[in-house]
Amino acid sequence: MRCKKTVRGSVRRVLIRFRDDLLGRLVAQALAEARVPLSEDAIAARFQGRGPWKKRLPQILDTLIAIGRVRPVEGGKSYVLQ
């Protein structure tokens, strides 16, 4: 029984990482297609999905900035793809 819980936890962690990677790629793709700086609200408006992911958009952008895929402009109010 304990083994099943460990496997479930591992699968859940992998799915969360996959989801985070996918969201990061989608945000980067939205910035690439825009070709102009986009604010967080403008990025969120490009997606139809509802739910808590929009609350994580600042974290996703921070991650993309940290790995060098996105650059903040206009005093950090907008973002462009590097």
PDB file of N, CA and C in Angstrom:
ATOM      1  N   MET A   1       0.824  -1.192   0.000  1.00  0.00           N
ATOM      2  CA  MET A   1       0.000   0.000   0.000  1.00  0.00           C
ATOM      3  C   MET A   1       0.868   1.256   0.000  1.00  0.00           C
ATOM      4  N   ARG A   2       1.940   1.231   0.761  1.00  0.00           N
ATOM      5  CA  ARG A   2       2.828   2.391   0.834  1.00  0.00           C
ATOM      6  C   ARG A   2       3.469   2.669  -0.519  1.00  0.00           C
ATOM      7  N   CYS A   3       3.757   1.640  -1.255  1.00  0.00           N
ATOM      8  CA  CYS A   3       4.373   1.792  -2.568  1.00  0.00           C
ATOM      9  C   CYS A   3       3.448   2.561  -3.512  1.00  0.00           C
ATOM     10  N   LYS A   4       2.154   2.294  -3.459  1.00  0.00           N
ATOM     11  CA  LYS A   4       1.205   2.988  -4.316  1.00  0.00           C
ATOM     12  C   LYS A   4       1.190   4.483  -4.016  1.00  0.00           C
ATOM     13  N   LYS A   5       1.257   4.845  -2.733  1.00  0.00           N
ATOM     14  CA  LYS A   5       1.272   6.264  -2.376  1.00  0.00           C
ATOM     15  C   LYS A   5       2.536   6.948  -2.888  1.00  0.00           C
ATOM     16  N   THR A   6       3.647   6.267  -2.815  1.00  0.00           N
ATOM     17  CA  THR A   6       4.903   6.819  -3.315  1.00  0.00           C
ATOM     18  C   THR A   6       4.838   7.020  -4.817  1.00  0.00           C
ATOM     19  N   VAL A   7       4.293   6.058  -5.512  1.00  0.00           N
ATOM     20  CA  VAL A   7       4.164   6.162  -6.963  1.00  0.00           C
ATOM     21  C   VAL A   7       3.220   7.299  -7.318  1.00  0.00           C
ATOM     22  N   ARG A   8       2.093   7.403  -6.622  1.00  0.00           N
ATOM     23  CA  ARG A   8       1.149   8.486  -6.883  1.00  0.00           C
ATOM     24  C   ARG A   8       1.798   9.846  -6.660  1.00  0.00           C
ATOM     25  N   GLY A   9       2.571   9.959  -5.582  1.00  0.00           N
ATOM     26  CA  GLY A   9       3.259  11.216  -5.305  1.00  0.00           C
ATOM     27  C   GLY A   9       4.272  11.556  -6.376  1.00  0.00           C
ATOM     28  N   SER A  10       4.987  10.552  -6.850  1.00  0.00           N
ATOM     29  CA  SER A  10       5.977  10.768  -7.911  1.00  0.00           C
ATOM     30  C   SER A  10       5.297  11.175  -9.208  1.00  0.00           C
ATOM     31  N   VAL A  11       4.216  10.518  -9.533  1.00  0.00           N
ATOM     32  CA  VAL A  11       3.478  10.838 -10.755  1.00  0.00           C
ATOM     33  C   VAL A  11       2.931  12.253 -10.663  1.00  0.00           C
ATOM     34  N   ARG A  12       2.422  12.609  -9.515  1.00  0.00           N
ATOM     35  CA  ARG A  12       1.874  13.954  -9.328  1.00  0.00           C
ATOM     36  C   ARG A  12       2.967  15.010  -9.517  1.00  0.00           C
ATOM     37  N   ARG A  13       4.143  14.781  -8.953  1.00  0.00           N
ATOM     38  CA  ARG A  13       5.244  15.737  -9.113  1.00  0.00           C
ATOM     39  C   ARG A  13       5.648  15.876 -10.580  1.00  0.00           C
ATOM     40  N   VAL A  14       5.680  14.762 -11.304  1.00  0.00           N
ATOM     41  CA  VAL A  14       6.027  14.802 -12.728  1.00  0.00           C
ATOM     42  C   VAL A  14       4.965  15.575 -13.502  1.00  0.00           C
ATOM     43  N   LEU A  15       3.704  15.338 -13.202  1.00  0.00           N
ATOM     44  CA  LEU A  15       2.629  16.048 -13.890  1.00  0.00           C
ATOM     45  C   LEU A  15       2.671  17.547 -13.597  1.00  0.00           C
ATOM     46  N   ILE A  16       2.978  17.923 -12.376  1.00  0.00           N
ATOM     47  CA  ILE A  16       3.076  19.338 -12.021  1.00  0.00           C
ATOM     48  C   ILE A  16       4.223  19.982 -12.775  1.00  0.00           C
ATOM     49  N   ARG A  17       5.375  19.317 -12.841  1.00  0.00           N
ATOM     50  CA  ARG A  17       6.511  19.851 -13.600  1.00  0.00           C
ATOM     51  C   ARG A  17       6.170  19.986 -15.078  1.00  0.00           C
ATOM     52  N   PHE A  18       5.486  18.979 -15.624  1.00  0.00           N
ATOM     53  CA  PHE A  18       5.080  19.028 -17.028  1.00  0.00           C
ATOM     54  C   PHE A  18       4.132  20.198 -17.270  1.00  0.00           C
ATOM     55  N   ARG A  19       3.171  20.376 -16.370  1.00  0.00           N
ATOM     56  CA  ARG A  19       2.214  21.477 -16.498  1.00  0.00           C
ATOM     57  C   ARG A  19       2.933  22.818 -16.440  1.00  0.00           C
ATOM     58  N   ASP A  20       3.845  22.978 -15.505  1.00  0.00           N
ATOM     59  CA  ASP A  20       4.589  24.220 -15.375  1.00  0.00           C
ATOM     60  C   ASP A  20       5.426  24.492 -16.618  1.00  0.00           C
ATOM     61  N   ASP A  21       6.064  23.457 -17.155  1.00  0.00           N
ATOM     62  CA  ASP A  21       6.860  23.609 -18.365  1.00  0.00           C
ATOM     63  C   ASP A  21       5.974  24.000 -19.536  1.00  0.00           C
ATOM     64  N   LEU A  22       4.822  23.367 -19.642  1.00  0.00           N
ATOM     65  CA  LEU A  22       3.897  23.675 -20.727  1.00  0.00           C
ATOM     66  C   LEU A  22       3.388  25.104 -20.616  1.00  0.00           C
ATOM     67  N   LEU A  23       3.024  25.550 -19.426  1.00  0.00           N
ATOM     68  CA  LEU A  23       2.558  26.925 -19.242  1.00  0.00           C
ATOM     69  C   LEU A  23       3.652  27.926 -19.603  1.00  0.00           C
ATOM     70  N   GLY A  24       4.873  27.634 -19.212  1.00  0.00           N
ATOM     71  CA  GLY A  24       5.990  28.504 -19.560  1.00  0.00           C
ATOM     72  C   GLY A  24       6.181  28.600 -21.061  1.00  0.00           C
ATOM     73  N   ARG A  25       6.061  27.474 -21.729  1.00  0.00           N
ATOM     74  CA  ARG A  25       6.204  27.473 -23.187  1.00  0.00           C
ATOM     75  C   ARG A  25       5.078  28.249 -23.859  1.00  0.00           C
ATOM     76  N   LEU A  26       3.860  28.099 -23.341  1.00  0.00           N
ATOM     77  CA  LEU A  26       2.725  28.812 -23.922  1.00  0.00           C
ATOM     78  C   LEU A  26       2.842  30.314 -23.724  1.00  0.00           C
ATOM     79  N   VAL A  27       3.311  30.730 -22.553  1.00  0.00           N
ATOM     80  CA  VAL A  27       3.511  32.159 -22.298  1.00  0.00           C
ATOM     81  C   VAL A  27       4.606  32.695 -23.214  1.00  0.00           C
ATOM     82  N   ALA A  28       5.691  31.972 -23.366  1.00  0.00           N
ATOM     83  CA  ALA A  28       6.773  32.393 -24.252  1.00  0.00           C
ATOM     84  C   ALA A  28       6.279  32.466 -25.696  1.00  0.00           C
ATOM     85  N   GLN A  29       5.455  31.531 -26.096  1.00  0.00           N
ATOM     86  CA  GLN A  29       4.910  31.532 -27.455  1.00  0.00           C
ATOM     87  C   GLN A  29       4.000  32.744 -27.658  1.00  0.00           C
ATOM     88  N   ALA A  30       3.194  33.074 -26.669  1.00  0.00           N
ATOM     89  CA  ALA A  30       2.321  34.253 -26.767  1.00  0.00           C
ATOM     90  C   ALA A  30       3.147  35.523 -26.925  1.00  0.00           C
ATOM     91  N   LEU A  31       4.242  35.628 -26.192  1.00  0.00           N
ATOM     92  CA  LEU A  31       5.116  36.799 -26.314  1.00  0.00           C
ATOM     93  C   LEU A  31       5.793  36.843 -27.684  1.00  0.00           C
ATOM     94  N   ALA A  32       6.168  35.689 -28.204  1.00  0.00           N
ATOM     95  CA  ALA A  32       6.816  35.639 -29.520  1.00  0.00           C
ATOM     96  C   ALA A  32       5.845  36.053 -30.623  1.00  0.00           C
ATOM     97  N   GLU A  33       4.608  35.620 -30.515  1.00  0.00           N
ATOM     98  CA  GLU A  33       3.618  35.941 -31.533  1.00  0.00           C
ATOM     99  C   GLU A  33       3.219  37.413 -31.486  1.00  0.00           C
ATOM    100  N   ALA A  34       3.274  38.021 -30.316  1.00  0.00           N
ATOM    101  CA  ALA A  34       2.846  39.412 -30.163  1.00  0.00           C
ATOM    102  C   ALA A  34       3.827  40.373 -30.820  1.00  0.00           C
ATOM    103  N   ARG A  35       5.112  40.112 -30.700  1.00  0.00           N
ATOM    104  CA  ARG A  35       6.179  40.946 -31.263  1.00  0.00           C
ATOM    105  C   ARG A  35       6.201  42.364 -30.695  1.00  0.00           C
ATOM    106  N   VAL A  36       5.418  42.616 -29.683  1.00  0.00           N
ATOM    107  CA  VAL A  36       5.451  43.881 -28.947  1.00  0.00           C
ATOM    108  C   VAL A  36       5.408  43.524 -27.465  1.00  0.00           C
ATOM    109  N   PRO A  37       5.881  44.401 -26.590  1.00  0.00           N
ATOM    110  CA  PRO A  37       5.808  44.096 -25.162  1.00  0.00           C
ATOM    111  C   PRO A  37       4.372  43.898 -24.698  1.00  0.00           C
ATOM    112  N   LEU A  38       4.165  42.904 -23.850  1.00  0.00           N
ATOM    113  CA  LEU A  38       2.838  42.615 -23.306  1.00  0.00           C
ATOM    114  C   LEU A  38       2.872  42.709 -21.785  1.00  0.00           C
ATOM    115  N   SER A  39       1.798  43.253 -21.213  1.00  0.00           N
ATOM    116  CA  SER A  39       1.660  43.280 -19.759  1.00  0.00           C
ATOM    117  C   SER A  39       1.119  41.923 -19.298  1.00  0.00           C
ATOM    118  N   GLU A  40       1.108  41.713 -17.979  1.00  0.00           N
ATOM    119  CA  GLU A  40       0.561  40.454 -17.452  1.00  0.00           C
ATOM    120  C   GLU A  40      -0.893  40.295 -17.860  1.00  0.00           C
ATOM    121  N   ASP A  41      -1.662  41.375 -17.796  1.00  0.00           N
ATOM    122  CA  ASP A  41      -3.077  41.293 -18.169  1.00  0.00           C
ATOM    123  C   ASP A  41      -3.244  40.941 -19.643  1.00  0.00           C
ATOM    124  N   ALA A  42      -2.398  41.512 -20.495  1.00  0.00           N
ATOM    125  CA  ALA A  42      -2.473  41.223 -21.932  1.00  0.00           C
ATOM    126  C   ALA A  42      -2.092  39.774 -22.213  1.00  0.00           C
ATOM    127  N   ILE A  43      -1.125  39.254 -21.476  1.00  0.00           N
ATOM    128  CA  ILE A  43      -0.735  37.846 -21.643  1.00  0.00           C
ATOM    129  C   ILE A  43      -1.888  36.945 -21.215  1.00  0.00           C
ATOM    130  N   ALA A  44      -2.469  37.232 -20.053  1.00  0.00           N
ATOM    131  CA  ALA A  44      -3.581  36.417 -19.546  1.00  0.00           C
ATOM    132  C   ALA A  44      -4.779  36.467 -20.489  1.00  0.00           C
ATOM    133  N   ALA A  45      -5.006  37.615 -21.145  1.00  0.00           N
ATOM    134  CA  ALA A  45      -6.142  37.754 -22.053  1.00  0.00           C
ATOM    135  C   ALA A  45      -5.989  36.891 -23.301  1.00  0.00           C
ATOM    136  N   ARG A  46      -4.779  36.479 -23.634  1.00  0.00           N
ATOM    137  CA  ARG A  46      -4.545  35.646 -24.809  1.00  0.00           C
ATOM    138  C   ARG A  46      -4.956  34.192 -24.584  1.00  0.00           C
ATOM    139  N   PHE A  47      -5.279  33.824 -23.356  1.00  0.00           N
ATOM    140  CA  PHE A  47      -5.659  32.454 -23.023  1.00  0.00           C
ATOM    141  C   PHE A  47      -7.112  32.419 -22.570  1.00  0.00           C
ATOM    142  N   GLN A  48      -7.835  31.404 -23.007  1.00  0.00           N
ATOM    143  CA  GLN A  48      -9.238  31.280 -22.657  1.00  0.00           C
ATOM    144  C   GLN A  48      -9.463  30.500 -21.365  1.00  0.00           C
ATOM    145  N   GLY A  49      -8.468  29.752 -20.935  1.00  0.00           N
ATOM    146  CA  GLY A  49      -8.619  28.889 -19.775  1.00  0.00           C
ATOM    147  C   GLY A  49      -8.924  29.652 -18.503  1.00  0.00           C
ATOM    148  N   ARG A  50      -9.780  29.082 -17.708  1.00  0.00           N
ATOM    149  CA  ARG A  50     -10.097  29.661 -16.413  1.00  0.00           C
ATOM    150  C   ARG A  50      -9.390  28.847 -15.348  1.00  0.00           C
ATOM    151  N   GLY A  51      -9.336  29.395 -14.174  1.00  0.00           N
ATOM    152  CA  GLY A  51      -8.770  28.631 -13.088  1.00  0.00           C
ATOM    153  C   GLY A  51      -7.609  29.328 -12.423  1.00  0.00           C
ATOM    154  N   PRO A  52      -6.971  28.611 -11.522  1.00  0.00           N
ATOM    155  CA  PRO A  52      -5.921  29.212 -10.698  1.00  0.00           C
ATOM    156  C   PRO A  52      -4.610  29.468 -11.417  1.00  0.00           C
ATOM    157  N   TRP A  53      -4.457  29.035 -12.654  1.00  0.00           N
ATOM    158  CA  TRP A  53      -3.178  29.226 -13.334  1.00  0.00           C
ATOM    159  C   TRP A  53      -2.861  30.700 -13.504  1.00  0.00           C
ATOM    160  N   LYS A  54      -3.880  31.544 -13.653  1.00  0.00           N
ATOM    161  CA  LYS A  54      -3.640  32.977 -13.852  1.00  0.00           C
ATOM    162  C   LYS A  54      -3.011  33.611 -12.611  1.00  0.00           C
ATOM    163  N   LYS A  55      -3.282  33.041 -11.449  1.00  0.00           N
ATOM    164  CA  LYS A  55      -2.648  33.533 -10.217  1.00  0.00           C
ATOM    165  C   LYS A  55      -1.157  33.229 -10.226  1.00  0.00           C
ATOM    166  N   ARG A  56      -0.759  32.215 -10.986  1.00  0.00           N
ATOM    167  CA  ARG A  56       0.643  31.807 -11.050  1.00  0.00           C
ATOM    168  C   ARG A  56       1.404  32.483 -12.180  1.00  0.00           C
ATOM    169  N   LEU A  57       0.733  33.314 -12.963  1.00  0.00           N
ATOM    170  CA  LEU A  57       1.395  33.971 -14.084  1.00  0.00           C
ATOM    171  C   LEU A  57       2.625  34.775 -13.662  1.00  0.00           C
ATOM    172  N   PRO A  58       2.579  35.540 -12.567  1.00  0.00           N
ATOM    173  CA  PRO A  58       3.809  36.238 -12.146  1.00  0.00           C
ATOM    174  C   PRO A  58       4.969  35.276 -11.862  1.00  0.00           C
ATOM    175  N   GLN A  59       4.665  34.134 -11.263  1.00  0.00           N
ATOM    176  CA  GLN A  59       5.708  33.143 -10.983  1.00  0.00           C
ATOM    177  C   GLN A  59       6.250  32.556 -12.281  1.00  0.00           C
ATOM    178  N   ILE A  60       5.384  32.306 -13.246  1.00  0.00           N
ATOM    179  CA  ILE A  60       5.817  31.781 -14.533  1.00  0.00           C
ATOM    180  C   ILE A  60       6.724  32.794 -15.224  1.00  0.00           C
ATOM    181  N   LEU A  61       6.334  34.072 -15.204  1.00  0.00           N
ATOM    182  CA  LEU A  61       7.154  35.120 -15.817  1.00  0.00           C
ATOM    183  C   LEU A  61       8.495  35.256 -15.105  1.00  0.00           C
ATOM    184  N   ASP A  62       8.489  35.191 -13.773  1.00  0.00           N
ATOM    185  CA  ASP A  62       9.754  35.256 -13.024  1.00  0.00           C
ATOM    186  C   ASP A  62      10.679  34.114 -13.408  1.00  0.00           C
ATOM    187  N   THR A  63      10.115  32.930 -13.592  1.00  0.00           N
ATOM    188  CA  THR A  63      10.912  31.777 -13.995  1.00  0.00           C
ATOM    189  C   THR A  63      11.500  31.993 -15.389  1.00  0.00           C
ATOM    190  N   LEU A  64      10.685  32.496 -16.314  1.00  0.00           N
ATOM    191  CA  LEU A  64      11.176  32.743 -17.670  1.00  0.00           C
ATOM    192  C   LEU A  64      12.247  33.832 -17.679  1.00  0.00           C
ATOM    193  N   ILE A  65      12.128  34.818 -16.805  1.00  0.00           N
ATOM    194  CA  ILE A  65      13.159  35.857 -16.679  1.00  0.00           C
ATOM    195  C   ILE A  65      14.443  35.237 -16.134  1.00  0.00           C
ATOM    196  N   ALA A  66      14.308  34.388 -15.124  1.00  0.00           N
ATOM    197  CA  ALA A  66      15.479  33.778 -14.489  1.00  0.00           C
ATOM    198  C   ALA A  66      16.274  32.900 -15.453  1.00  0.00           C
ATOM    199  N   ILE A  67      15.590  32.229 -16.364  1.00  0.00           N
ATOM    200  CA  ILE A  67      16.300  31.364 -17.305  1.00  0.00           C
ATOM    201  C   ILE A  67      16.666  32.102 -18.594  1.00  0.00           C
ATOM    202  N   GLY A  68      16.332  33.386 -18.673  1.00  0.00           N
ATOM    203  CA  GLY A  68      16.761  34.199 -19.790  1.00  0.00           C
ATOM    204  C   GLY A  68      15.899  34.138 -21.031  1.00  0.00           C
ATOM    205  N   ARG A  69      14.680  33.642 -20.926  1.00  0.00           N
ATOM    206  CA  ARG A  69      13.800  33.573 -22.096  1.00  0.00           C
ATOM    207  C   ARG A  69      12.982  34.838 -22.285  1.00  0.00           C
ATOM    208  N   VAL A  70      12.736  35.570 -21.178  1.00  0.00           N
ATOM    209  CA  VAL A  70      11.899  36.767 -21.209  1.00  0.00           C
ATOM    210  C   VAL A  70      12.645  37.904 -20.536  1.00  0.00           C
ATOM    211  N   ARG A  71      12.398  39.114 -21.025  1.00  0.00           N
ATOM    212  CA  ARG A  71      13.037  40.303 -20.449  1.00  0.00           C
ATOM    213  C   ARG A  71      11.957  41.313 -20.088  1.00  0.00           C
ATOM    214  N   PRO A  72      11.995  41.843 -18.849  1.00  0.00           N
ATOM    215  CA  PRO A  72      11.021  42.884 -18.490  1.00  0.00           C
ATOM    216  C   PRO A  72      11.417  44.215 -19.132  1.00  0.00           C
ATOM    217  N   VAL A  73      10.434  44.973 -19.563  1.00  0.00           N
ATOM    218  CA  VAL A  73      10.655  46.303 -20.133  1.00  0.00           C
ATOM    219  C   VAL A  73       9.666  47.279 -19.503  1.00  0.00           C
ATOM    220  N   GLU A  74       9.863  48.550 -19.755  1.00  0.00           N
ATOM    221  CA  GLU A  74       8.982  49.585 -19.243  1.00  0.00           C
ATOM    222  C   GLU A  74       8.863  49.506 -17.723  1.00  0.00           C
ATOM    223  N   GLY A  75       9.984  49.378 -17.057  1.00  0.00           N
ATOM    224  CA  GLY A  75       9.987  49.332 -15.603  1.00  0.00           C
ATOM    225  C   GLY A  75       9.377  48.076 -15.020  1.00  0.00           C
ATOM    226  N   GLY A  76       9.392  46.990 -15.774  1.00  0.00           N
ATOM    227  CA  GLY A  76       8.858  45.722 -15.283  1.00  0.00           C
ATOM    228  C   GLY A  76       7.365  45.575 -15.465  1.00  0.00           C
ATOM    229  N   LYS A  77       6.739  46.511 -16.192  1.00  0.00           N
ATOM    230  CA  LYS A  77       5.283  46.436 -16.399  1.00  0.00           C
ATOM    231  C   LYS A  77       4.915  45.586 -17.619  1.00  0.00           C
ATOM    232  N   SER A  78       5.851  45.423 -18.527  1.00  0.00           N
ATOM    233  CA  SER A  78       5.616  44.633 -19.737  1.00  0.00           C
ATOM    234  C   SER A  78       6.790  43.675 -19.941  1.00  0.00           C
ATOM    235  N   TYR A  79       6.575  42.719 -20.813  1.00  0.00           N
ATOM    236  CA  TYR A  79       7.581  41.672 -21.039  1.00  0.00           C
ATOM    237  C   TYR A  79       7.730  41.406 -22.523  1.00  0.00           C
ATOM    238  N   VAL A  80       8.968  41.083 -22.933  1.00  0.00           N
ATOM    239  CA  VAL A  80       9.251  40.680 -24.319  1.00  0.00           C
ATOM    240  C   VAL A  80      10.088  39.413 -24.291  1.00  0.00           C
ATOM    241  N   LEU A  81       9.987  38.661 -25.366  1.00  0.00           N
ATOM    242  CA  LEU A  81      10.787  37.444 -25.520  1.00  0.00           C
ATOM    243  C   LEU A  81      12.202  37.860 -25.931  1.00  0.00           C
ATOM    244  N   GLN A  82      13.203  37.190 -25.375  1.00  0.00           N
ATOM    245  CA  GLN A  82      14.599  37.509 -25.720  1.00  0.00           C
ATOM    246  C   GLN A  82      15.007  36.762 -26.972  1.00  0.00           C
TER     247      GLN A  82
END
